[in-house]
Amino acid sequence: MAAKSPVLTVSLKCTECNRRNYYKTRKRTFKKKLEFRKYCPHCNKHTLHVESKI
């Protein structure tokens, strides 16, 4: 059986409109959820984007 990859792909979801706009990779050992202020094309402004499952 193959071992799990140390890198995990996650999506970033806008906190205002709840749409997934970005995809990033992170290490499995990093326990906190990723948070970034990024541009949301649907809200047409910079908003907080948090990590969510794909």
PDB file of N, CA and C in Angstrom:
ATOM      1  N   MET A   1       0.841  -1.173   0.000  1.00  0.00           N
ATOM      2  CA  MET A   1       0.000   0.000   0.000  1.00  0.00           C
ATOM      3  C   MET A   1       0.887   1.236   0.000  1.00  0.00           C
ATOM      4  N   ALA A   2       0.530   2.227  -0.763  1.00  0.00           N
ATOM      5  CA  ALA A   2       1.332   3.446  -0.892  1.00  0.00           C
ATOM      6  C   ALA A   2       1.166   4.340   0.332  1.00  0.00           C
ATOM      7  N   ALA A   3       2.245   5.058   0.648  1.00  0.00           N
ATOM      8  CA  ALA A   3       2.206   5.997   1.778  1.00  0.00           C
ATOM      9  C   ALA A   3       1.499   7.275   1.365  1.00  0.00           C
ATOM     10  N   LYS A   4       0.951   8.006   2.354  1.00  0.00           N
ATOM     11  CA  LYS A   4       0.287   9.269   2.069  1.00  0.00           C
ATOM     12  C   LYS A   4       1.313  10.318   1.679  1.00  0.00           C
ATOM     13  N   SER A   5       0.930  11.184   0.784  1.00  0.00           N
ATOM     14  CA  SER A   5       1.791  12.278   0.360  1.00  0.00           C
ATOM     15  C   SER A   5       1.896  13.310   1.481  1.00  0.00           C
ATOM     16  N   PRO A   6       3.084  13.914   1.693  1.00  0.00           N
ATOM     17  CA  PRO A   6       3.221  14.925   2.744  1.00  0.00           C
ATOM     18  C   PRO A   6       2.576  16.260   2.384  1.00  0.00           C
ATOM     19  N   VAL A   7       2.136  16.398   1.120  1.00  0.00           N
ATOM     20  CA  VAL A   7       1.537  17.649   0.656  1.00  0.00           C
ATOM     21  C   VAL A   7       0.056  17.427   0.386  1.00  0.00           C
ATOM     22  N   LEU A   8      -0.769  18.382   0.828  1.00  0.00           N
ATOM     23  CA  LEU A   8      -2.214  18.287   0.700  1.00  0.00           C
ATOM     24  C   LEU A   8      -2.721  19.482  -0.093  1.00  0.00           C
ATOM     25  N   THR A   9      -3.634  19.265  -1.039  1.00  0.00           N
ATOM     26  CA  THR A   9      -4.222  20.356  -1.810  1.00  0.00           C
ATOM     27  C   THR A   9      -5.536  20.770  -1.159  1.00  0.00           C
ATOM     28  N   VAL A  10      -5.682  22.077  -0.898  1.00  0.00           N
ATOM     29  CA  VAL A  10      -6.891  22.604  -0.265  1.00  0.00           C
ATOM     30  C   VAL A  10      -7.417  23.765  -1.105  1.00  0.00           C
ATOM     31  N   SER A  11      -8.695  24.066  -0.941  1.00  0.00           N
ATOM     32  CA  SER A  11      -9.278  25.213  -1.628  1.00  0.00           C
ATOM     33  C   SER A  11      -9.467  26.345  -0.635  1.00  0.00           C
ATOM     34  N   LEU A  12      -9.449  27.581  -1.130  1.00  0.00           N
ATOM     35  CA  LEU A  12      -9.685  28.755  -0.301  1.00  0.00           C
ATOM     36  C   LEU A  12     -11.060  29.301  -0.635  1.00  0.00           C
ATOM     37  N   LYS A  13     -11.889  29.452   0.394  1.00  0.00           N
ATOM     38  CA  LYS A  13     -13.281  29.856   0.217  1.00  0.00           C
ATOM     39  C   LYS A  13     -13.480  31.265   0.764  1.00  0.00           C
ATOM     40  N   CYS A  14     -14.188  32.097   0.016  1.00  0.00           N
ATOM     41  CA  CYS A  14     -14.501  33.458   0.442  1.00  0.00           C
ATOM     42  C   CYS A  14     -15.470  33.394   1.619  1.00  0.00           C
ATOM     43  N   THR A  15     -15.229  34.212   2.655  1.00  0.00           N
ATOM     44  CA  THR A  15     -16.096  34.197   3.833  1.00  0.00           C
ATOM     45  C   THR A  15     -17.386  34.967   3.603  1.00  0.00           C
ATOM     46  N   GLU A  16     -17.456  35.808   2.595  1.00  0.00           N
ATOM     47  CA  GLU A  16     -18.660  36.599   2.352  1.00  0.00           C
ATOM     48  C   GLU A  16     -19.630  35.913   1.390  1.00  0.00           C
ATOM     49  N   CYS A  17     -19.139  35.417   0.267  1.00  0.00           N
ATOM     50  CA  CYS A  17     -20.038  34.787  -0.711  1.00  0.00           C
ATOM     51  C   CYS A  17     -19.944  33.256  -0.706  1.00  0.00           C
ATOM     52  N   ASN A  18     -19.001  32.683   0.054  1.00  0.00           N
ATOM     53  CA  ASN A  18     -18.815  31.236   0.203  1.00  0.00           C
ATOM     54  C   ASN A  18     -18.493  30.514  -1.108  1.00  0.00           C
ATOM     55  N   ARG A  19     -17.810  31.190  -2.013  1.00  0.00           N
ATOM     56  CA  ARG A  19     -17.384  30.552  -3.260  1.00  0.00           C
ATOM     57  C   ARG A  19     -15.907  30.213  -3.178  1.00  0.00           C
ATOM     58  N   ARG A  20     -15.539  29.108  -3.796  1.00  0.00           N
ATOM     59  CA  ARG A  20     -14.141  28.679  -3.814  1.00  0.00           C
ATOM     60  C   ARG A  20     -13.453  29.323  -5.005  1.00  0.00           C
ATOM     61  N   ASN A  21     -12.464  30.172  -4.711  1.00  0.00           N
ATOM     62  CA  ASN A  21     -11.808  30.927  -5.767  1.00  0.00           C
ATOM     63  C   ASN A  21     -10.360  30.519  -6.008  1.00  0.00           C
ATOM     64  N   TYR A  22      -9.693  29.964  -5.004  1.00  0.00           N
ATOM     65  CA  TYR A  22      -8.270  29.671  -5.109  1.00  0.00           C
ATOM     66  C   TYR A  22      -7.977  28.276  -4.580  1.00  0.00           C
ATOM     67  N   TYR A  23      -6.876  27.686  -5.061  1.00  0.00           N
ATOM     68  CA  TYR A  23      -6.403  26.384  -4.607  1.00  0.00           C
ATOM     69  C   TYR A  23      -4.945  26.516  -4.232  1.00  0.00           C
ATOM     70  N   LYS A  24      -4.555  25.945  -3.086  1.00  0.00           N
ATOM     71  CA  LYS A  24      -3.188  26.009  -2.606  1.00  0.00           C
ATOM     72  C   LYS A  24      -2.782  24.642  -2.081  1.00  0.00           C
ATOM     73  N   THR A  25      -1.489  24.452  -1.888  1.00  0.00           N
ATOM     74  CA  THR A  25      -0.979  23.241  -1.261  1.00  0.00           C
ATOM     75  C   THR A  25      -0.406  23.601   0.097  1.00  0.00           C
ATOM     76  N   ARG A  26      -0.502  22.652   1.023  1.00  0.00           N
ATOM     77  CA  ARG A  26       0.084  22.842   2.344  1.00  0.00           C
ATOM     78  C   ARG A  26       0.576  21.501   2.847  1.00  0.00           C
ATOM     79  N   LYS A  27       1.480  21.547   3.826  1.00  0.00           N
ATOM     80  CA  LYS A  27       2.003  20.322   4.416  1.00  0.00           C
ATOM     81  C   LYS A  27       0.964  19.712   5.348  1.00  0.00           C
ATOM     82  N   ARG A  28       0.945  18.394   5.424  1.00  0.00           N
ATOM     83  CA  ARG A  28       0.006  17.703   6.311  1.00  0.00           C
ATOM     84  C   ARG A  28       0.283  18.005   7.778  1.00  0.00           C
ATOM     85  N   THR A  29       1.529  18.291   8.123  1.00  0.00           N
ATOM     86  CA  THR A  29       1.885  18.518   9.522  1.00  0.00           C
ATOM     87  C   THR A  29       1.425  19.880  10.025  1.00  0.00           C
ATOM     88  N   PHE A  30       1.049  20.798   9.138  1.00  0.00           N
ATOM     89  CA  PHE A  30       0.557  22.123   9.522  1.00  0.00           C
ATOM     90  C   PHE A  30      -0.884  21.977   9.976  1.00  0.00           C
ATOM     91  N   LYS A  31      -1.163  22.237  11.262  1.00  0.00           N
ATOM     92  CA  LYS A  31      -2.471  21.928  11.839  1.00  0.00           C
ATOM     93  C   LYS A  31      -3.494  23.054  11.733  1.00  0.00           C
ATOM     94  N   LYS A  32      -3.065  24.304  11.630  1.00  0.00           N
ATOM     95  CA  LYS A  32      -4.008  25.419  11.560  1.00  0.00           C
ATOM     96  C   LYS A  32      -4.603  25.545  10.159  1.00  0.00           C
ATOM     97  N   LYS A  33      -5.793  26.143  10.078  1.00  0.00           N
ATOM     98  CA  LYS A  33      -6.403  26.407   8.775  1.00  0.00           C
ATOM     99  C   LYS A  33      -5.737  27.625   8.156  1.00  0.00           C
ATOM    100  N   LEU A  34      -5.537  27.592   6.851  1.00  0.00           N
ATOM    101  CA  LEU A  34      -4.938  28.727   6.158  1.00  0.00           C
ATOM    102  C   LEU A  34      -5.952  29.858   6.044  1.00  0.00           C
ATOM    103  N   GLU A  35      -5.470  31.088   6.194  1.00  0.00           N
ATOM    104  CA  GLU A  35      -6.306  32.276   6.028  1.00  0.00           C
ATOM    105  C   GLU A  35      -5.518  33.322   5.255  1.00  0.00           C
ATOM    106  N   PHE A  36      -6.115  33.855   4.213  1.00  0.00           N
ATOM    107  CA  PHE A  36      -5.483  34.892   3.398  1.00  0.00           C
ATOM    108  C   PHE A  36      -6.514  35.957   3.049  1.00  0.00           C
ATOM    109  N   ARG A  37      -6.049  37.190   2.911  1.00  0.00           N
ATOM    110  CA  ARG A  37      -6.885  38.241   2.344  1.00  0.00           C
ATOM    111  C   ARG A  37      -6.566  38.294   0.858  1.00  0.00           C
ATOM    112  N   LYS A  38      -7.520  37.835   0.052  1.00  0.00           N
ATOM    113  CA  LYS A  38      -7.319  37.765  -1.386  1.00  0.00           C
ATOM    114  C   LYS A  38      -8.503  38.420  -2.098  1.00  0.00           C
ATOM    115  N   TYR A  39      -8.308  38.692  -3.373  1.00  0.00           N
ATOM    116  CA  TYR A  39      -9.340  39.316  -4.187  1.00  0.00           C
ATOM    117  C   TYR A  39     -10.402  38.293  -4.570  1.00  0.00           C
ATOM    118  N   CYS A  40     -11.651  38.638  -4.357  1.00  0.00           N
ATOM    119  CA  CYS A  40     -12.776  37.797  -4.776  1.00  0.00           C
ATOM    120  C   CYS A  40     -13.435  38.453  -5.986  1.00  0.00           C
ATOM    121  N   PRO A  41     -13.403  37.796  -7.147  1.00  0.00           N
ATOM    122  CA  PRO A  41     -14.000  38.388  -8.342  1.00  0.00           C
ATOM    123  C   PRO A  41     -15.527  38.483  -8.277  1.00  0.00           C
ATOM    124  N   HIS A  42     -16.166  37.683  -7.431  1.00  0.00           N
ATOM    125  CA  HIS A  42     -17.626  37.710  -7.323  1.00  0.00           C
ATOM    126  C   HIS A  42     -18.093  38.852  -6.421  1.00  0.00           C
ATOM    127  N   CYS A  43     -17.311  39.122  -5.353  1.00  0.00           N
ATOM    128  CA  CYS A  43     -17.631  40.244  -4.451  1.00  0.00           C
ATOM    129  C   CYS A  43     -17.032  41.552  -4.970  1.00  0.00           C
ATOM    130  N   ASN A  44     -16.072  41.441  -5.861  1.00  0.00           N
ATOM    131  CA  ASN A  44     -15.388  42.575  -6.471  1.00  0.00           C
ATOM    132  C   ASN A  44     -14.597  43.405  -5.443  1.00  0.00           C
ATOM    133  N   LYS A  45     -13.998  42.705  -4.458  1.00  0.00           N
ATOM    134  CA  LYS A  45     -13.166  43.367  -3.449  1.00  0.00           C
ATOM    135  C   LYS A  45     -12.292  42.329  -2.749  1.00  0.00           C
ATOM    136  N   HIS A  46     -11.362  42.788  -1.922  1.00  0.00           N
ATOM    137  CA  HIS A  46     -10.519  41.903  -1.141  1.00  0.00           C
ATOM    138  C   HIS A  46     -11.279  41.443   0.101  1.00  0.00           C
ATOM    139  N   THR A  47     -11.313  40.127   0.313  1.00  0.00           N
ATOM    140  CA  THR A  47     -12.014  39.547   1.449  1.00  0.00           C
ATOM    141  C   THR A  47     -11.133  38.471   2.073  1.00  0.00           C
ATOM    142  N   LEU A  48     -11.531  38.033   3.231  1.00  0.00           N
ATOM    143  CA  LEU A  48     -10.832  36.950   3.906  1.00  0.00           C
ATOM    144  C   LEU A  48     -11.227  35.631   3.264  1.00  0.00           C
ATOM    145  N   HIS A  49     -10.216  34.830   2.902  1.00  0.00           N
ATOM    146  CA  HIS A  49     -10.441  33.498   2.338  1.00  0.00           C
ATOM    147  C   HIS A  49      -9.856  32.480   3.313  1.00  0.00           C
ATOM    148  N   VAL A  50     -10.637  31.474   3.658  1.00  0.00           N
ATOM    149  CA  VAL A  50     -10.196  30.435   4.591  1.00  0.00           C
ATOM    150  C   VAL A  50     -10.167  29.086   3.888  1.00  0.00           C
ATOM    151  N   GLU A  51      -9.400  28.186   4.457  1.00  0.00           N
ATOM    152  CA  GLU A  51      -9.222  26.853   3.904  1.00  0.00           C
ATOM    153  C   GLU A  51     -10.503  26.039   4.036  1.00  0.00           C
ATOM    154  N   SER A  52     -10.801  25.266   2.996  1.00  0.00           N
ATOM    155  CA  SER A  52     -11.926  24.331   3.042  1.00  0.00           C
ATOM    156  C   SER A  52     -11.538  23.074   2.263  1.00  0.00           C
ATOM    157  N   LYS A  53     -12.275  22.023   2.470  1.00  0.00           N
ATOM    158  CA  LYS A  53     -11.999  20.765   1.759  1.00  0.00           C
ATOM    159  C   LYS A  53     -12.393  20.899   0.298  1.00  0.00           C
ATOM    160  N   ILE A  54     -11.749  20.118  -0.527  1.00  0.00           N
ATOM    161  CA  ILE A  54     -12.062  20.132  -1.959  1.00  0.00           C
ATOM    162  C   ILE A  54     -13.265  19.249  -2.223  1.00  0.00           C
TER     163      ILE A  54
END
